[in-house]
PDB file of N, CA and C in Angstrom:
ATOM      1  N   MET A   1      45.436  61.589  33.050  1.00  0.00           N
ATOM      2  CA  MET A   1      46.847  61.860  32.867  1.00  0.00           C
ATOM      3  C   MET A   1      47.650  60.867  33.709  1.00  0.00           C
ATOM      4  N   ALA A   2      48.694  60.314  33.120  1.00  0.00           N
ATOM      5  CA  ALA A   2      49.531  59.334  33.815  1.00  0.00           C
ATOM      6  C   ALA A   2      50.380  60.004  34.894  1.00  0.00           C
ATOM      7  N   GLN A   3      50.599  59.266  35.960  1.00  0.00           N
ATOM      8  CA  GLN A   3      51.438  59.786  37.043  1.00  0.00           C
ATOM      9  C   GLN A   3      52.897  59.759  36.608  1.00  0.00           C
ATOM     10  N   ASP A   4      53.645  60.785  36.986  1.00  0.00           N
ATOM     11  CA  ASP A   4      55.055  60.833  36.632  1.00  0.00           C
ATOM     12  C   ASP A   4      55.814  59.725  37.333  1.00  0.00           C
ATOM     13  N   ALA A   5      56.750  59.145  36.618  1.00  0.00           N
ATOM     14  CA  ALA A   5      57.614  58.114  37.201  1.00  0.00           C
ATOM     15  C   ALA A   5      58.618  58.788  38.132  1.00  0.00           C
ATOM     16  N   PRO A   6      59.056  58.073  39.154  1.00  0.00           N
ATOM     17  CA  PRO A   6      60.061  58.652  40.051  1.00  0.00           C
ATOM     18  C   PRO A   6      61.369  58.896  39.308  1.00  0.00           C
ATOM     19  N   LEU A   7      62.157  59.802  39.834  1.00  0.00           N
ATOM     20  CA  LEU A   7      63.449  60.143  39.235  1.00  0.00           C
ATOM     21  C   LEU A   7      64.374  58.932  39.206  1.00  0.00           C
ATOM     22  N   PHE A   8      64.363  58.137  40.283  1.00  0.00           N
ATOM     23  CA  PHE A   8      65.202  56.938  40.327  1.00  0.00           C
ATOM     24  C   PHE A   8      64.595  55.901  41.264  1.00  0.00           C
ATOM     25  N   SER A   9      65.105  54.689  41.149  1.00  0.00           N
ATOM     26  CA  SER A   9      64.669  53.575  41.991  1.00  0.00           C
ATOM     27  C   SER A   9      65.833  53.111  42.849  1.00  0.00           C
ATOM     28  N   VAL A  10      65.529  52.770  44.082  1.00  0.00           N
ATOM     29  CA  VAL A  10      66.512  52.175  44.980  1.00  0.00           C
ATOM     30  C   VAL A  10      66.078  50.725  45.167  1.00  0.00           C
ATOM     31  N   VAL A  11      66.955  49.791  44.802  1.00  0.00           N
ATOM     32  CA  VAL A  11      66.646  48.372  44.920  1.00  0.00           C
ATOM     33  C   VAL A  11      67.407  47.824  46.122  1.00  0.00           C
ATOM     34  N   ILE A  12      66.657  47.205  47.037  1.00  0.00           N
ATOM     35  CA  ILE A  12      67.257  46.637  48.240  1.00  0.00           C
ATOM     36  C   ILE A  12      66.952  45.142  48.263  1.00  0.00           C
ATOM     37  N   PRO A  13      67.957  44.294  48.043  1.00  0.00           N
ATOM     38  CA  PRO A  13      67.720  42.860  48.174  1.00  0.00           C
ATOM     39  C   PRO A  13      67.710  42.473  49.653  1.00  0.00           C
ATOM     40  N   VAL A  14      66.879  41.494  50.004  1.00  0.00           N
ATOM     41  CA  VAL A  14      66.830  41.047  51.395  1.00  0.00           C
ATOM     42  C   VAL A  14      66.648  39.532  51.419  1.00  0.00           C
ATOM     43  N   TYR A  15      67.386  38.895  52.296  1.00  0.00           N
ATOM     44  CA  TYR A  15      67.223  37.465  52.556  1.00  0.00           C
ATOM     45  C   TYR A  15      67.509  37.231  54.032  1.00  0.00           C
ATOM     46  N   ASN A  16      66.464  36.935  54.781  1.00  0.00           N
ATOM     47  CA  ASN A  16      66.569  36.653  56.218  1.00  0.00           C
ATOM     48  C   ASN A  16      67.271  37.770  56.985  1.00  0.00           C
ATOM     49  N   ARG A  17      66.871  38.991  56.714  1.00  0.00           N
ATOM     50  CA  ARG A  17      67.406  40.155  57.417  1.00  0.00           C
ATOM     51  C   ARG A  17      66.279  41.099  57.812  1.00  0.00           C
ATOM     52  N   ALA A  18      65.156  40.536  58.249  1.00  0.00           N
ATOM     53  CA  ALA A  18      64.010  41.358  58.635  1.00  0.00           C
ATOM     54  C   ALA A  18      64.384  42.348  59.729  1.00  0.00           C
ATOM     55  N   HIS A  19      65.324  41.965  60.580  1.00  0.00           N
ATOM     56  CA  HIS A  19      65.727  42.849  61.679  1.00  0.00           C
ATOM     57  C   HIS A  19      66.529  44.057  61.194  1.00  0.00           C
ATOM     58  N   LEU A  20      67.010  44.031  59.957  1.00  0.00           N
ATOM     59  CA  LEU A  20      67.805  45.141  59.421  1.00  0.00           C
ATOM     60  C   LEU A  20      67.093  45.934  58.324  1.00  0.00           C
ATOM     61  N   ILE A  21      66.049  45.373  57.727  1.00  0.00           N
ATOM     62  CA  ILE A  21      65.456  46.003  56.551  1.00  0.00           C
ATOM     63  C   ILE A  21      64.826  47.357  56.869  1.00  0.00           C
ATOM     64  N   GLU A  22      64.208  47.508  58.022  1.00  0.00           N
ATOM     65  CA  GLU A  22      63.601  48.801  58.361  1.00  0.00           C
ATOM     66  C   GLU A  22      64.668  49.882  58.434  1.00  0.00           C
ATOM     67  N   ARG A  23      65.791  49.577  59.015  1.00  0.00           N
ATOM     68  CA  ARG A  23      66.888  50.548  59.118  1.00  0.00           C
ATOM     69  C   ARG A  23      67.396  50.960  57.731  1.00  0.00           C
ATOM     70  N   ALA A  24      67.525  49.985  56.834  1.00  0.00           N
ATOM     71  CA  ALA A  24      67.989  50.277  55.475  1.00  0.00           C
ATOM     72  C   ALA A  24      66.995  51.176  54.737  1.00  0.00           C
ATOM     73  N   ILE A  25      65.706  50.867  54.865  1.00  0.00           N
ATOM     74  CA  ILE A  25      64.681  51.661  54.188  1.00  0.00           C
ATOM     75  C   ILE A  25      64.615  53.068  54.775  1.00  0.00           C
ATOM     76  N   ARG A  26      64.660  53.179  56.068  1.00  0.00           N
ATOM     77  CA  ARG A  26      64.615  54.521  56.698  1.00  0.00           C
ATOM     78  C   ARG A  26      65.814  55.367  56.293  1.00  0.00           C
ATOM     79  N   SER A  27      66.953  54.742  56.065  1.00  0.00           N
ATOM     80  CA  SER A  27      68.126  55.471  55.589  1.00  0.00           C
ATOM     81  C   SER A  27      67.852  56.100  54.225  1.00  0.00           C
ATOM     82  N   VAL A  28      67.177  55.372  53.365  1.00  0.00           N
ATOM     83  CA  VAL A  28      66.815  55.915  52.048  1.00  0.00           C
ATOM     84  C   VAL A  28      65.776  57.025  52.210  1.00  0.00           C
ATOM     85  N   LEU A  29      64.769  56.782  53.040  1.00  0.00           N
ATOM     86  CA  LEU A  29      63.702  57.770  53.226  1.00  0.00           C
ATOM     87  C   LEU A  29      64.212  59.077  53.826  1.00  0.00           C
ATOM     88  N   ASP A  30      65.322  59.033  54.528  1.00  0.00           N
ATOM     89  CA  ASP A  30      65.884  60.226  55.159  1.00  0.00           C
ATOM     90  C   ASP A  30      66.743  61.077  54.219  1.00  0.00           C
ATOM     91  N   GLN A  31      66.896  60.661  52.983  1.00  0.00           N
ATOM     92  CA  GLN A  31      67.732  61.412  52.045  1.00  0.00           C
ATOM     93  C   GLN A  31      67.051  62.720  51.624  1.00  0.00           C
ATOM     94  N   HIS A  32      67.854  63.662  51.179  1.00  0.00           N
ATOM     95  CA  HIS A  32      67.358  64.981  50.780  1.00  0.00           C
ATOM     96  C   HIS A  32      66.402  64.883  49.581  1.00  0.00           C
ATOM     97  N   CYS A  33      66.829  64.218  48.520  1.00  0.00           N
ATOM     98  CA  CYS A  33      65.977  64.038  47.344  1.00  0.00           C
ATOM     99  C   CYS A  33      64.887  63.021  47.690  1.00  0.00           C
ATOM    100  N   GLN A  34      63.657  63.364  47.422  1.00  0.00           N
ATOM    101  CA  GLN A  34      62.534  62.492  47.789  1.00  0.00           C
ATOM    102  C   GLN A  34      61.788  61.920  46.578  1.00  0.00           C
ATOM    103  N   ASP A  35      62.315  62.142  45.368  1.00  0.00           N
ATOM    104  CA  ASP A  35      61.649  61.679  44.153  1.00  0.00           C
ATOM    105  C   ASP A  35      62.195  60.302  43.754  1.00  0.00           C
ATOM    106  N   PHE A  36      61.803  59.276  44.500  1.00  0.00           N
ATOM    107  CA  PHE A  36      62.307  57.931  44.250  1.00  0.00           C
ATOM    108  C   PHE A  36      61.248  56.904  44.623  1.00  0.00           C
ATOM    109  N   GLU A  37      61.507  55.685  44.227  1.00  0.00           N
ATOM    110  CA  GLU A  37      60.751  54.534  44.702  1.00  0.00           C
ATOM    111  C   GLU A  37      61.758  53.565  45.312  1.00  0.00           C
ATOM    112  N   ILE A  38      61.290  52.749  46.239  1.00  0.00           N
ATOM    113  CA  ILE A  38      62.132  51.719  46.838  1.00  0.00           C
ATOM    114  C   ILE A  38      61.530  50.382  46.444  1.00  0.00           C
ATOM    115  N   VAL A  39      62.360  49.538  45.842  1.00  0.00           N
ATOM    116  CA  VAL A  39      61.941  48.201  45.456  1.00  0.00           C
ATOM    117  C   VAL A  39      62.726  47.218  46.319  1.00  0.00           C
ATOM    118  N   VAL A  40      62.023  46.520  47.194  1.00  0.00           N
ATOM    119  CA  VAL A  40      62.659  45.517  48.039  1.00  0.00           C
ATOM    120  C   VAL A  40      62.428  44.162  47.382  1.00  0.00           C
ATOM    121  N   VAL A  41      63.514  43.455  47.108  1.00  0.00           N
ATOM    122  CA  VAL A  41      63.423  42.135  46.497  1.00  0.00           C
ATOM    123  C   VAL A  41      63.746  41.108  47.572  1.00  0.00           C
ATOM    124  N   ASP A  42      62.726  40.357  47.967  1.00  0.00           N
ATOM    125  CA  ASP A  42      62.858  39.330  48.995  1.00  0.00           C
ATOM    126  C   ASP A  42      63.129  37.999  48.301  1.00  0.00           C
ATOM    127  N   ASP A  43      64.301  37.461  48.500  1.00  0.00           N
ATOM    128  CA  ASP A  43      64.707  36.217  47.850  1.00  0.00           C
ATOM    129  C   ASP A  43      64.330  34.986  48.665  1.00  0.00           C
ATOM    130  N   GLY A  44      63.079  34.931  49.137  1.00  0.00           N
ATOM    131  CA  GLY A  44      62.593  33.748  49.823  1.00  0.00           C
ATOM    132  C   GLY A  44      62.901  33.705  51.308  1.00  0.00           C
ATOM    133  N   SER A  45      62.942  34.851  51.940  1.00  0.00           N
ATOM    134  CA  SER A  45      63.231  34.914  53.374  1.00  0.00           C
ATOM    135  C   SER A  45      62.230  34.083  54.176  1.00  0.00           C
ATOM    136  N   THR A  46      62.693  33.573  55.307  1.00  0.00           N
ATOM    137  CA  THR A  46      61.819  32.830  56.218  1.00  0.00           C
ATOM    138  C   THR A  46      61.518  33.626  57.483  1.00  0.00           C
ATOM    139  N   ASP A  47      62.045  34.838  57.585  1.00  0.00           N
ATOM    140  CA  ASP A  47      61.853  35.643  58.801  1.00  0.00           C
ATOM    141  C   ASP A  47      60.865  36.808  58.619  1.00  0.00           C
ATOM    142  N   ASP A  48      60.068  36.797  57.566  1.00  0.00           N
ATOM    143  CA  ASP A  48      58.974  37.743  57.330  1.00  0.00           C
ATOM    144  C   ASP A  48      59.388  39.220  57.277  1.00  0.00           C
ATOM    145  N   PRO A  49      60.253  39.592  56.338  1.00  0.00           N
ATOM    146  CA  PRO A  49      60.605  41.007  56.214  1.00  0.00           C
ATOM    147  C   PRO A  49      59.420  41.869  55.783  1.00  0.00           C
ATOM    148  N   ALA A  50      58.415  41.290  55.129  1.00  0.00           N
ATOM    149  CA  ALA A  50      57.254  42.069  54.687  1.00  0.00           C
ATOM    150  C   ALA A  50      56.533  42.700  55.869  1.00  0.00           C
ATOM    151  N   SER A  51      56.529  42.047  57.000  1.00  0.00           N
ATOM    152  CA  SER A  51      55.892  42.603  58.191  1.00  0.00           C
ATOM    153  C   SER A  51      56.611  43.871  58.647  1.00  0.00           C
ATOM    154  N   ALA A  52      57.928  43.833  58.677  1.00  0.00           N
ATOM    155  CA  ALA A  52      58.715  45.006  59.066  1.00  0.00           C
ATOM    156  C   ALA A  52      58.549  46.128  58.050  1.00  0.00           C
ATOM    157  N   ILE A  53      58.497  45.781  56.780  1.00  0.00           N
ATOM    158  CA  ILE A  53      58.333  46.779  55.725  1.00  0.00           C
ATOM    159  C   ILE A  53      56.950  47.422  55.819  1.00  0.00           C
ATOM    160  N   GLY A  54      55.932  46.629  56.095  1.00  0.00           N
ATOM    161  CA  GLY A  54      54.573  47.130  56.195  1.00  0.00           C
ATOM    162  C   GLY A  54      54.385  48.150  57.303  1.00  0.00           C
ATOM    163  N   LYS A  55      55.168  48.054  58.356  1.00  0.00           N
ATOM    164  CA  LYS A  55      55.086  49.001  59.472  1.00  0.00           C
ATOM    165  C   LYS A  55      55.496  50.413  59.054  1.00  0.00           C
ATOM    166  N   ILE A  56      56.314  50.509  58.030  1.00  0.00           N
ATOM    167  CA  ILE A  56      56.790  51.820  57.570  1.00  0.00           C
ATOM    168  C   ILE A  56      55.658  52.583  56.880  1.00  0.00           C
ATOM    169  N   GLY A  57      54.878  51.895  56.067  1.00  0.00           N
ATOM    170  CA  GLY A  57      53.692  52.492  55.473  1.00  0.00           C
ATOM    171  C   GLY A  57      53.932  53.600  54.466  1.00  0.00           C
ATOM    172  N   ASP A  58      54.997  53.527  53.694  1.00  0.00           N
ATOM    173  CA  ASP A  58      55.263  54.541  52.680  1.00  0.00           C
ATOM    174  C   ASP A  58      54.853  53.992  51.310  1.00  0.00           C
ATOM    175  N   PRO A  59      54.018  54.710  50.560  1.00  0.00           N
ATOM    176  CA  PRO A  59      53.542  54.195  49.269  1.00  0.00           C
ATOM    177  C   PRO A  59      54.622  54.076  48.196  1.00  0.00           C
ATOM    178  N   ARG A  60      55.790  54.626  48.450  1.00  0.00           N
ATOM    179  CA  ARG A  60      56.879  54.506  47.464  1.00  0.00           C
ATOM    180  C   ARG A  60      57.604  53.174  47.554  1.00  0.00           C
ATOM    181  N   ILE A  61      57.240  52.346  48.533  1.00  0.00           N
ATOM    182  CA  ILE A  61      57.918  51.058  48.734  1.00  0.00           C
ATOM    183  C   ILE A  61      57.114  49.950  48.058  1.00  0.00           C
ATOM    184  N   ARG A  62      57.801  49.177  47.225  1.00  0.00           N
ATOM    185  CA  ARG A  62      57.216  47.987  46.599  1.00  0.00           C
ATOM    186  C   ARG A  62      58.035  46.775  47.038  1.00  0.00           C
ATOM    187  N   VAL A  63      57.367  45.668  47.251  1.00  0.00           N
ATOM    188  CA  VAL A  63      58.052  44.436  47.628  1.00  0.00           C
ATOM    189  C   VAL A  63      57.822  43.406  46.525  1.00  0.00           C
ATOM    190  N   ILE A  64      58.891  42.808  46.081  1.00  0.00           N
ATOM    191  CA  ILE A  64      58.830  41.700  45.132  1.00  0.00           C
ATOM    192  C   ILE A  64      59.357  40.483  45.856  1.00  0.00           C
ATOM    193  N   ARG A  65      58.518  39.448  45.966  1.00  0.00           N
ATOM    194  CA  ARG A  65      58.930  38.242  46.673  1.00  0.00           C
ATOM    195  C   ARG A  65      59.186  37.130  45.664  1.00  0.00           C
ATOM    196  N   GLN A  66      60.351  36.517  45.797  1.00  0.00           N
ATOM    197  CA  GLN A  66      60.718  35.376  44.981  1.00  0.00           C
ATOM    198  C   GLN A  66      60.877  34.174  45.905  1.00  0.00           C
ATOM    199  N   ASP A  67      60.455  33.023  45.425  1.00  0.00           N
ATOM    200  CA  ASP A  67      60.633  31.795  46.219  1.00  0.00           C
ATOM    201  C   ASP A  67      62.082  31.354  46.245  1.00  0.00           C
TER     202      ASP A  67
END
């Protein structure tokens, strides 16, 4: 049986804001409704936001990296 899709997606674009991305993601994770996915779109950052995102460790977070 296929897994149900989340109710909605939150898309967070990031470019050289690794120091802020964890705060933005935690703000979403703290919301009352928990049926969502977070899609972080990294537009070629040079400050490694994926490292900060990986520390959160929530399976609802996906990262899409573009050059």
